[in-house]
C-alpha atoms as a PDB file:
ATOM      1  CA  MET A   1       3.811 -25.559  -2.521  1.00  0.00           C
ATOM      2  CA  SER A   2       3.744 -24.402  -6.114  1.00  0.00           C
ATOM      3  CA  ALA A   3       4.390 -20.809  -7.170  1.00  0.00           C
ATOM      4  CA  LEU A   4       0.753 -20.459  -8.284  1.00  0.00           C
ATOM      5  CA  THR A   5      -0.538 -21.609  -4.901  1.00  0.00           C
ATOM      6  CA  ARG A   6       1.803 -19.187  -3.088  1.00  0.00           C
ATOM      7  CA  ASN A   7       0.629 -16.305  -5.302  1.00  0.00           C
ATOM      8  CA  LEU A   8      -3.031 -17.147  -4.734  1.00  0.00           C
ATOM      9  CA  SER A   9      -2.607 -17.405  -0.958  1.00  0.00           C
ATOM     10  CA  GLY A  10      -0.694 -14.103  -0.968  1.00  0.00           C
ATOM     11  CA  ALA A  11      -3.504 -12.421  -2.891  1.00  0.00           C
ATOM     12  CA  GLN A  12      -6.086 -13.783  -0.444  1.00  0.00           C
ATOM     13  CA  GLU A  13      -4.033 -12.466   2.483  1.00  0.00           C
ATOM     14  CA  THR A  14      -3.836  -9.026   0.837  1.00  0.00           C
ATOM     15  CA  LEU A  15      -7.607  -9.004   0.346  1.00  0.00           C
ATOM     16  CA  ARG A  16      -8.150  -9.927   3.990  1.00  0.00           C
ATOM     17  CA  THR A  17      -5.712  -7.260   5.189  1.00  0.00           C
ATOM     18  CA  TYR A  18      -7.120  -4.474   3.033  1.00  0.00           C
ATOM     19  CA  GLY A  19     -10.712  -5.710   2.989  1.00  0.00           C
ATOM     20  CA  ARG A  20     -12.180  -2.627   4.643  1.00  0.00           C
ATOM     21  CA  ARG A  21     -13.030   0.154   2.220  1.00  0.00           C
ATOM     22  CA  VAL A  22     -14.176   3.743   2.628  1.00  0.00           C
ATOM     23  CA  GLU A  23     -15.923   5.904   0.042  1.00  0.00           C
ATOM     24  CA  ILE A  24     -14.101   9.262  -0.265  1.00  0.00           C
ATOM     25  CA  PRO A  25     -15.617  12.032  -2.413  1.00  0.00           C
ATOM     26  CA  MET A  26     -13.570  12.783  -5.550  1.00  0.00           C
ATOM     27  CA  LEU A  27     -11.307   9.767  -4.888  1.00  0.00           C
ATOM     28  CA  GLY A  28     -13.836   6.959  -4.893  1.00  0.00           C
ATOM     29  CA  GLU A  29     -13.504   3.783  -2.881  1.00  0.00           C
ATOM     30  CA  VAL A  30     -10.228   3.525  -0.933  1.00  0.00           C
ATOM     31  CA  ALA A  31      -8.870   0.526   0.989  1.00  0.00           C
ATOM     32  CA  VAL A  32      -8.216   1.200   4.662  1.00  0.00           C
ATOM     33  CA  PRO A  33      -5.019  -0.324   6.035  1.00  0.00           C
ATOM     34  CA  PRO A  34      -4.975  -2.164   9.369  1.00  0.00           C
ATOM     35  CA  PRO A  35      -4.557  -0.080  12.545  1.00  0.00           C
ATOM     36  CA  ASP A  36      -0.874  -0.934  13.001  1.00  0.00           C
ATOM     37  CA  LYS A  37      -0.067   0.406   9.543  1.00  0.00           C
ATOM     38  CA  VAL A  38      -2.136   3.555  10.166  1.00  0.00           C
ATOM     39  CA  ALA A  39      -0.034   4.105  13.315  1.00  0.00           C
ATOM     40  CA  TYR A  40       3.145   3.676  11.236  1.00  0.00           C
ATOM     41  CA  TYR A  41       1.982   6.266   8.687  1.00  0.00           C
ATOM     42  CA  ALA A  42       0.893   8.627  11.472  1.00  0.00           C
ATOM     43  CA  GLY A  43       4.314   8.247  13.082  1.00  0.00           C
ATOM     44  CA  LEU A  44       5.985   9.221   9.830  1.00  0.00           C
ATOM     45  CA  GLY A  45       3.667  12.220   9.612  1.00  0.00           C
ATOM     46  CA  VAL A  46       4.562  13.303  13.134  1.00  0.00           C
ATOM     47  CA  LEU A  47       8.285  12.943  12.422  1.00  0.00           C
ATOM     48  CA  ALA A  48       7.870  15.078   9.293  1.00  0.00           C
ATOM     49  CA  ALA A  49       5.758  17.667  11.156  1.00  0.00           C
ATOM     50  CA  LEU A  50       8.392  17.943  13.891  1.00  0.00           C
ATOM     51  CA  GLN A  51      11.056  18.215  11.168  1.00  0.00           C
ATOM     52  CA  VAL A  52      12.930  15.183  12.465  1.00  0.00           C
ATOM     53  CA  ILE A  53      12.866  13.960   8.857  1.00  0.00           C
ATOM     54  CA  GLU A  54      12.174  15.996   5.743  1.00  0.00           C
ATOM     55  CA  TRP A  55       8.647  15.702   4.308  1.00  0.00           C
ATOM     56  CA  PRO A  56       9.834  14.414   0.880  1.00  0.00           C
ATOM     57  CA  LEU A  57      11.626  11.580   2.664  1.00  0.00           C
ATOM     58  CA  ALA A  58       8.452  10.784   4.631  1.00  0.00           C
ATOM     59  CA  LEU A  59       6.483  10.665   1.359  1.00  0.00           C
ATOM     60  CA  VAL A  60       9.028   8.368  -0.297  1.00  0.00           C
ATOM     61  CA  ILE A  61       9.084   6.032   2.707  1.00  0.00           C
ATOM     62  CA  THR A  62       5.285   5.959   2.842  1.00  0.00           C
ATOM     63  CA  ALA A  63       4.959   5.324  -0.902  1.00  0.00           C
ATOM     64  CA  GLY A  64       7.527   2.531  -0.764  1.00  0.00           C
ATOM     65  CA  HIS A  65       5.805   0.965   2.219  1.00  0.00           C
ATOM     66  CA  LEU A  66       2.410   1.095   0.498  1.00  0.00           C
ATOM     67  CA  LEU A  67       3.803  -0.444  -2.679  1.00  0.00           C
ATOM     68  CA  ALA A  68       5.547  -3.185  -0.731  1.00  0.00           C
ATOM     69  CA  ASP A  69       2.365  -3.979   1.215  1.00  0.00           C
ATOM     70  CA  GLN A  70       0.124  -4.029  -1.828  1.00  0.00           C
ATOM     71  CA  HIS A  71       2.502  -5.715  -4.262  1.00  0.00           C
ATOM     72  CA  MET A  72      -0.167  -8.238  -5.161  1.00  0.00           C
ATOM     73  CA  SER A  73      -2.864  -5.677  -5.894  1.00  0.00           C
ATOM     74  CA  GLY A  74      -4.279  -5.396  -9.382  1.00  0.00           C
ATOM     75  CA  LEU A  75      -3.152  -1.793  -9.788  1.00  0.00           C
ATOM     76  CA  VAL A  76       0.506  -2.522  -9.182  1.00  0.00           C
ATOM     77  CA  LYS A  77       0.263  -5.656 -11.305  1.00  0.00           C
ATOM     78  CA  GLY A  78      -1.319  -3.645 -14.132  1.00  0.00           C
ATOM     79  CA  VAL A  79       1.406  -0.988 -13.954  1.00  0.00           C
ATOM     80  CA  GLY A  80       4.054  -3.686 -14.089  1.00  0.00           C
ATOM     81  CA  GLU A  81       2.455  -5.279 -17.131  1.00  0.00           C
ATOM     82  CA  ALA A  82       2.195  -1.869 -18.812  1.00  0.00           C
ATOM     83  CA  LEU A  83       5.862  -1.176 -18.155  1.00  0.00           C
ATOM     84  CA  GLU A  84       6.837  -4.575 -19.530  1.00  0.00           C
ATOM     85  CA  SER A  85       4.923  -3.983 -22.744  1.00  0.00           C
ATOM     86  CA  THR A  86       6.639  -0.645 -23.476  1.00  0.00           C
END
């Protein structure tokens, strides 16, 4: 399988995974993650609320997880291209 084919199939999988969208006032249209990922984020929130982990650590873990899951999205790709051009 060529690199182009792998990238295209990965992008299609990302679209299928984050295909559901919700319109949020002031934020616009937001992709809704699958239920298992929502449970993961909720678990991190509960751990932070119970002070098992510090809230900045929960935010960093959540941000890293979101970026890793959506690495094929256009936003992340655009940021990467912008960073390369500077």
